[in-house]
Every structure is written in structure tokens, then in C-alpha cells.
Amino acid sequence: GHGHLARSSDVCSSDLCQVTVTDASGEQQQQHRQHSAGTDAVGSGSCVFTHGMHGSTLPIIVAHGEGRAVFPAQSDPSSSFSPEACVQQRLVVLRYTDHHGVPTERYPLNPNGSALGIAGVRNADGRVLAMMPHPERMVLGETGSWLPERREREHQGWGSWGAWMRLFVSARRWVG
């Protein structure tokens, strides 16, 4: 028999590449500047980029699939730096998710096969964010080729900006 030909609405709702912000610690404690030993420090457990974004699901533009999170523990069993350890230590702030918001390793929802759907990690003090999706590709609302109807309603308040602009606004707010 012939395979099922999916309507474009079926494909978009189930195969939209998106990430969900999982930086719960940024929500649980107020982020502020602390002055200690002459340097500014972020409150532990908070990420300056994703502060206030916990639970947000953001569409991404996929341009390639080469880059992904790789951990030494995947190839070196003696290393304690593993995907699971990063999740437990709350260093994972972005994960590729399916249309139910569940982290996934399944292609095309996770375009590069990152372990546990990890799309972004932060350092312990929250100042550094390493991520594979390119947020700069969706800072303008017009760059999104398609958004589910529910997402369109959520993003109406952004005006001409895209959902990823919040990442840059949060970092700028922290700088002061």
C-alpha cells in the first residue's frame, strides 16, 4: 500500500522544531547582582539569558544538524560530566521537545541527536550559556515561517520581535 500522505497541518503540529526553557531555578529565586570580591555574580542557579522564561516553548530555525551537545562521559566512562549529571545539577536550560513539551532525541524534532534533547547548558554561576539553536535567526517575528495558532496568540504581545528576543532582553537587563 501507499504510505499516509500527511497534510501540512499534520506535519507542522507534530514536526515543528522547538525548544522548551527548563531553567526552573531562574523562576524560583530572584535574579540580581551581588557584589562579592569586587566582581558581579549571578544568584546561584539562575541564568542571565533565560531568567523569567521557564516553561516557554520557542520555535527554532534549523539550518544544519552538525552541532550537538557532546559530553566526555559518553566516550570516557571515568568522567563525571554526563548529560544526566547536567540535568540533575540544573545546568540544562534548553531542551528539544516534542509537540507535548516532552524532551526528545527523535529526529526531526531533535535535529542533531543531542542526548536527552539537550539544546543549551549554562555554567554554574549562570553567566555563560552554550546552545545549539541559533536564537539570532528568530529575533524578528517575520523570520518564523510557521507557528501553531496557539503560539501565534502567545506571541502577539511581541509586536515585530520574535520569541527569542527575550533571551537578549534578559541579558541586557542583567548588565544594567
C-alpha atoms as a PDB file:
ATOM      1  CA  GLY A   1       0.000   0.000   0.000  1.00  0.00           C
ATOM      2  CA  HIS A   2       0.844   3.622  -0.201  1.00  0.00           C
ATOM      3  CA  GLY A   3       2.074   5.481   2.856  1.00  0.00           C
ATOM      4  CA  HIS A   4      -0.046   8.075   4.600  1.00  0.00           C
ATOM      5  CA  LEU A   5       0.307  11.475   2.968  1.00  0.00           C
ATOM      6  CA  ALA A   6       0.326  13.982   5.807  1.00  0.00           C
ATOM      7  CA  ARG A   7      -1.475  17.274   5.384  1.00  0.00           C
ATOM      8  CA  SER A   8       0.717  20.294   6.028  1.00  0.00           C
ATOM      9  CA  SER A   9      -1.206  20.976   9.254  1.00  0.00           C
ATOM     10  CA  ASP A  10      -0.381  17.451  10.459  1.00  0.00           C
ATOM     11  CA  VAL A  11       3.307  17.869   9.690  1.00  0.00           C
ATOM     12  CA  CYS A  12       3.585  21.282  11.302  1.00  0.00           C
ATOM     13  CA  SER A  13       1.860  20.355  14.516  1.00  0.00           C
ATOM     14  CA  SER A  14       3.937  17.235  15.060  1.00  0.00           C
ATOM     15  CA  ASP A  15       7.292  18.076  13.441  1.00  0.00           C
ATOM     16  CA  LEU A  16       7.842  21.717  14.378  1.00  0.00           C
ATOM     17  CA  CYS A  17      11.340  22.049  15.782  1.00  0.00           C
ATOM     18  CA  GLN A  18      11.137  23.753  19.140  1.00  0.00           C
ATOM     19  CA  VAL A  19      12.934  24.013  22.436  1.00  0.00           C
ATOM     20  CA  THR A  20      11.498  24.421  25.899  1.00  0.00           C
ATOM     21  CA  VAL A  21      13.203  26.526  28.565  1.00  0.00           C
ATOM     22  CA  THR A  22      13.842  24.372  31.640  1.00  0.00           C
ATOM     23  CA  ASP A  23      15.612  26.926  33.817  1.00  0.00           C
ATOM     24  CA  ALA A  24      13.262  26.468  36.777  1.00  0.00           C
ATOM     25  CA  SER A  25      15.818  27.807  39.207  1.00  0.00           C
ATOM     26  CA  GLY A  26      15.604  31.177  37.467  1.00  0.00           C
ATOM     27  CA  GLU A  27      11.930  31.270  38.409  1.00  0.00           C
ATOM     28  CA  GLN A  28      12.407  30.011  41.948  1.00  0.00           C
ATOM     29  CA  GLN A  29      14.818  32.691  43.036  1.00  0.00           C
ATOM     30  CA  GLN A  30      15.033  36.320  42.134  1.00  0.00           C
ATOM     31  CA  GLN A  31      17.985  37.146  39.930  1.00  0.00           C
ATOM     32  CA  HIS A  32      20.025  40.102  40.993  1.00  0.00           C
ATOM     33  CA  ARG A  33      23.556  41.385  41.008  1.00  0.00           C
ATOM     34  CA  GLN A  34      25.641  40.558  44.019  1.00  0.00           C
ATOM     35  CA  HIS A  35      28.909  42.304  44.729  1.00  0.00           C
ATOM     36  CA  SER A  36      31.439  39.948  46.182  1.00  0.00           C
ATOM     37  CA  ALA A  37      35.205  40.110  45.987  1.00  0.00           C
ATOM     38  CA  GLY A  38      34.902  43.040  43.579  1.00  0.00           C
ATOM     39  CA  THR A  39      33.036  41.087  40.882  1.00  0.00           C
ATOM     40  CA  ASP A  40      29.404  40.841  39.909  1.00  0.00           C
ATOM     41  CA  ALA A  41      27.924  37.403  40.414  1.00  0.00           C
ATOM     42  CA  VAL A  42      24.593  35.978  39.397  1.00  0.00           C
ATOM     43  CA  GLY A  43      22.492  34.353  42.098  1.00  0.00           C
ATOM     44  CA  SER A  44      23.392  30.652  42.002  1.00  0.00           C
ATOM     45  CA  GLY A  45      21.030  28.529  39.977  1.00  0.00           C
ATOM     46  CA  SER A  46      19.904  31.335  37.703  1.00  0.00           C
ATOM     47  CA  CYS A  47      20.784  32.023  34.058  1.00  0.00           C
ATOM     48  CA  VAL A  48      21.047  35.656  32.979  1.00  0.00           C
ATOM     49  CA  PHE A  49      19.740  34.788  29.496  1.00  0.00           C
ATOM     50  CA  THR A  50      16.706  32.652  30.362  1.00  0.00           C
ATOM     51  CA  HIS A  51      15.582  34.399  33.545  1.00  0.00           C
ATOM     52  CA  GLY A  52      11.789  34.531  33.647  1.00  0.00           C
ATOM     53  CA  MET A  53      11.403  32.225  30.648  1.00  0.00           C
ATOM     54  CA  HIS A  54      10.900  28.874  32.440  1.00  0.00           C
ATOM     55  CA  GLY A  55       8.312  26.782  30.620  1.00  0.00           C
ATOM     56  CA  SER A  56       8.446  28.867  27.431  1.00  0.00           C
ATOM     57  CA  THR A  57       8.358  26.810  24.252  1.00  0.00           C
ATOM     58  CA  LEU A  58      10.126  28.538  21.392  1.00  0.00           C
ATOM     59  CA  PRO A  59      10.268  27.597  17.702  1.00  0.00           C
ATOM     60  CA  ILE A  60      13.701  27.239  16.119  1.00  0.00           C
ATOM     61  CA  ILE A  61      15.015  27.543  12.589  1.00  0.00           C
ATOM     62  CA  VAL A  62      17.079  24.533  11.596  1.00  0.00           C
ATOM     63  CA  ALA A  63      19.908  25.244   9.165  1.00  0.00           C
ATOM     64  CA  HIS A  64      22.126  22.225   9.762  1.00  0.00           C
ATOM     65  CA  GLY A  65      22.392  19.227  12.024  1.00  0.00           C
ATOM     66  CA  GLU A  66      26.106  19.051  12.723  1.00  0.00           C
ATOM     67  CA  GLY A  67      26.315  20.676  16.137  1.00  0.00           C
ATOM     68  CA  ARG A  68      25.084  18.903  19.231  1.00  0.00           C
ATOM     69  CA  ALA A  69      25.843  18.568  22.898  1.00  0.00           C
ATOM     70  CA  VAL A  70      28.616  16.009  23.392  1.00  0.00           C
ATOM     71  CA  PHE A  71      29.731  15.016  26.863  1.00  0.00           C
ATOM     72  CA  PRO A  72      33.059  13.418  27.857  1.00  0.00           C
ATOM     73  CA  ALA A  73      31.193  10.773  29.868  1.00  0.00           C
ATOM     74  CA  GLN A  74      29.664   9.474  26.632  1.00  0.00           C
ATOM     75  CA  SER A  75      33.108   8.413  25.429  1.00  0.00           C
ATOM     76  CA  ASP A  76      35.042   8.380  28.707  1.00  0.00           C
ATOM     77  CA  PRO A  77      33.354   6.311  31.442  1.00  0.00           C
ATOM     78  CA  SER A  78      35.687   7.804  34.087  1.00  0.00           C
ATOM     79  CA  SER A  79      34.247  11.301  33.503  1.00  0.00           C
ATOM     80  CA  SER A  80      31.503  12.516  35.837  1.00  0.00           C
ATOM     81  CA  PHE A  81      30.308  15.099  33.292  1.00  0.00           C
ATOM     82  CA  SER A  82      27.330  13.376  31.699  1.00  0.00           C
ATOM     83  CA  PRO A  83      24.005  14.517  30.227  1.00  0.00           C
ATOM     84  CA  GLU A  84      22.219  13.063  33.250  1.00  0.00           C
ATOM     85  CA  ALA A  85      24.543  14.892  35.679  1.00  0.00           C
ATOM     86  CA  CYS A  86      23.917  18.208  33.881  1.00  0.00           C
ATOM     87  CA  VAL A  87      20.150  17.691  34.170  1.00  0.00           C
ATOM     88  CA  GLN A  88      20.457  16.790  37.884  1.00  0.00           C
ATOM     89  CA  GLN A  89      22.679  19.817  38.559  1.00  0.00           C
ATOM     90  CA  ARG A  90      20.118  22.066  36.780  1.00  0.00           C
ATOM     91  CA  LEU A  91      22.680  23.197  34.221  1.00  0.00           C
ATOM     92  CA  VAL A  92      20.423  22.279  31.284  1.00  0.00           C
ATOM     93  CA  VAL A  93      18.309  25.305  30.380  1.00  0.00           C
ATOM     94  CA  LEU A  94      17.036  24.382  26.891  1.00  0.00           C
ATOM     95  CA  ARG A  95      15.782  21.047  25.554  1.00  0.00           C
ATOM     96  CA  TYR A  96      14.412  19.940  22.214  1.00  0.00           C
ATOM     97  CA  THR A  97      10.821  18.898  22.871  1.00  0.00           C
ATOM     98  CA  ASP A  98       8.004  17.236  21.001  1.00  0.00           C
ATOM     99  CA  HIS A  99       4.622  18.866  20.463  1.00  0.00           C
ATOM    100  CA  HIS A 100       3.613  17.795  24.003  1.00  0.00           C
ATOM    101  CA  GLY A 101       6.620  19.577  25.537  1.00  0.00           C
ATOM    102  CA  VAL A 102       8.408  16.298  26.368  1.00  0.00           C
ATOM    103  CA  PRO A 103      12.206  16.251  25.797  1.00  0.00           C
ATOM    104  CA  THR A 104      13.096  14.160  22.774  1.00  0.00           C
ATOM    105  CA  GLU A 105      16.053  12.636  20.951  1.00  0.00           C
ATOM    106  CA  ARG A 106      13.891  11.822  17.922  1.00  0.00           C
ATOM    107  CA  TYR A 107      14.665  13.326  14.535  1.00  0.00           C
ATOM    108  CA  PRO A 108      13.424  15.709  13.132  1.00  0.00           C
ATOM    109  CA  LEU A 109      12.230  17.166  16.459  1.00  0.00           C
ATOM    110  CA  ASN A 110      15.793  16.979  17.758  1.00  0.00           C
ATOM    111  CA  PRO A 111      17.631  17.882  14.539  1.00  0.00           C
ATOM    112  CA  ASN A 112      21.105  16.917  15.708  1.00  0.00           C
ATOM    113  CA  GLY A 113      20.513  13.952  18.027  1.00  0.00           C
ATOM    114  CA  SER A 114      21.642  15.627  21.254  1.00  0.00           C
ATOM    115  CA  ALA A 115      21.497  13.323  24.275  1.00  0.00           C
ATOM    116  CA  LEU A 116      18.353  13.784  26.390  1.00  0.00           C
ATOM    117  CA  GLY A 117      17.275  16.507  23.948  1.00  0.00           C
ATOM    118  CA  ILE A 118      19.790  18.931  25.446  1.00  0.00           C
ATOM    119  CA  ALA A 119      19.873  22.123  23.387  1.00  0.00           C
ATOM    120  CA  GLY A 120      21.519  24.517  25.861  1.00  0.00           C
ATOM    121  CA  VAL A 121      23.542  24.403  29.066  1.00  0.00           C
ATOM    122  CA  ARG A 122      24.761  27.115  31.393  1.00  0.00           C
ATOM    123  CA  ASN A 123      27.728  27.330  33.705  1.00  0.00           C
ATOM    124  CA  ALA A 124      27.276  27.165  37.484  1.00  0.00           C
ATOM    125  CA  ASP A 125      27.034  30.930  38.021  1.00  0.00           C
ATOM    126  CA  GLY A 126      24.606  31.469  35.123  1.00  0.00           C
ATOM    127  CA  ARG A 127      26.709  33.916  33.127  1.00  0.00           C
ATOM    128  CA  VAL A 128      27.616  31.591  30.261  1.00  0.00           C
ATOM    129  CA  LEU A 129      25.067  29.900  28.008  1.00  0.00           C
ATOM    130  CA  ALA A 130      26.155  27.404  25.358  1.00  0.00           C
ATOM    131  CA  MET A 131      23.402  26.430  22.956  1.00  0.00           C
ATOM    132  CA  MET A 132      22.949  24.987  19.505  1.00  0.00           C
ATOM    133  CA  PRO A 133      19.746  26.564  18.239  1.00  0.00           C
ATOM    134  CA  HIS A 134      20.591  29.947  16.766  1.00  0.00           C
ATOM    135  CA  PRO A 135      18.359  32.489  18.560  1.00  0.00           C
ATOM    136  CA  GLU A 136      19.576  35.316  16.344  1.00  0.00           C
ATOM    137  CA  ARG A 137      17.753  33.670  13.430  1.00  0.00           C
ATOM    138  CA  MET A 138      14.388  34.279  15.086  1.00  0.00           C
ATOM    139  CA  VAL A 139      14.654  37.646  16.797  1.00  0.00           C
ATOM    140  CA  LEU A 140      12.285  39.137  14.225  1.00  0.00           C
ATOM    141  CA  GLY A 141       8.720  37.856  14.108  1.00  0.00           C
ATOM    142  CA  GLU A 142       8.764  37.706  10.290  1.00  0.00           C
ATOM    143  CA  THR A 143      11.534  35.081  10.256  1.00  0.00           C
ATOM    144  CA  GLY A 144       9.246  32.365  11.609  1.00  0.00           C
ATOM    145  CA  SER A 145       7.845  30.522   8.614  1.00  0.00           C
ATOM    146  CA  TRP A 146       5.064  28.902  10.621  1.00  0.00           C
ATOM    147  CA  LEU A 147       3.741  28.982  14.168  1.00  0.00           C
ATOM    148  CA  PRO A 148       0.859  26.940  15.585  1.00  0.00           C
ATOM    149  CA  GLU A 149      -2.262  29.036  16.172  1.00  0.00           C
ATOM    150  CA  ARG A 150      -1.799  28.814  19.956  1.00  0.00           C
ATOM    151  CA  ARG A 151       1.786  30.076  19.622  1.00  0.00           C
ATOM    152  CA  GLU A 152       0.674  32.969  17.424  1.00  0.00           C
ATOM    153  CA  ARG A 153      -1.711  34.107  20.170  1.00  0.00           C
ATOM    154  CA  GLU A 154       1.035  33.771  22.814  1.00  0.00           C
ATOM    155  CA  HIS A 155       3.462  35.903  20.795  1.00  0.00           C
ATOM    156  CA  GLN A 156       1.082  38.710  19.801  1.00  0.00           C
ATOM    157  CA  GLY A 157       2.484  40.890  22.569  1.00  0.00           C
ATOM    158  CA  TRP A 158       5.951  40.818  20.982  1.00  0.00           C
ATOM    159  CA  GLY A 159       4.997  43.118  18.089  1.00  0.00           C
ATOM    160  CA  SER A 160       7.588  42.756  15.335  1.00  0.00           C
ATOM    161  CA  TRP A 161      10.016  40.875  17.599  1.00  0.00           C
ATOM    162  CA  GLY A 162      10.246  37.103  17.670  1.00  0.00           C
ATOM    163  CA  ALA A 163      10.041  34.980  20.810  1.00  0.00           C
ATOM    164  CA  TRP A 164      13.838  34.617  21.054  1.00  0.00           C
ATOM    165  CA  MET A 165      14.346  38.351  21.582  1.00  0.00           C
ATOM    166  CA  ARG A 166      13.599  37.776  25.279  1.00  0.00           C
ATOM    167  CA  LEU A 167      16.950  35.982  25.597  1.00  0.00           C
ATOM    168  CA  PHE A 168      18.788  39.150  24.612  1.00  0.00           C
ATOM    169  CA  VAL A 169      16.491  41.448  26.618  1.00  0.00           C
ATOM    170  CA  SER A 170      17.106  39.362  29.766  1.00  0.00           C
ATOM    171  CA  ALA A 171      20.886  39.531  29.305  1.00  0.00           C
ATOM    172  CA  ARG A 172      20.744  43.277  28.713  1.00  0.00           C
ATOM    173  CA  ARG A 173      18.572  43.759  31.801  1.00  0.00           C
ATOM    174  CA  TRP A 174      21.155  41.905  33.900  1.00  0.00           C
ATOM    175  CA  VAL A 175      24.003  44.095  32.586  1.00  0.00           C
ATOM    176  CA  GLY A 176      22.041  47.131  33.726  1.00  0.00           C
END
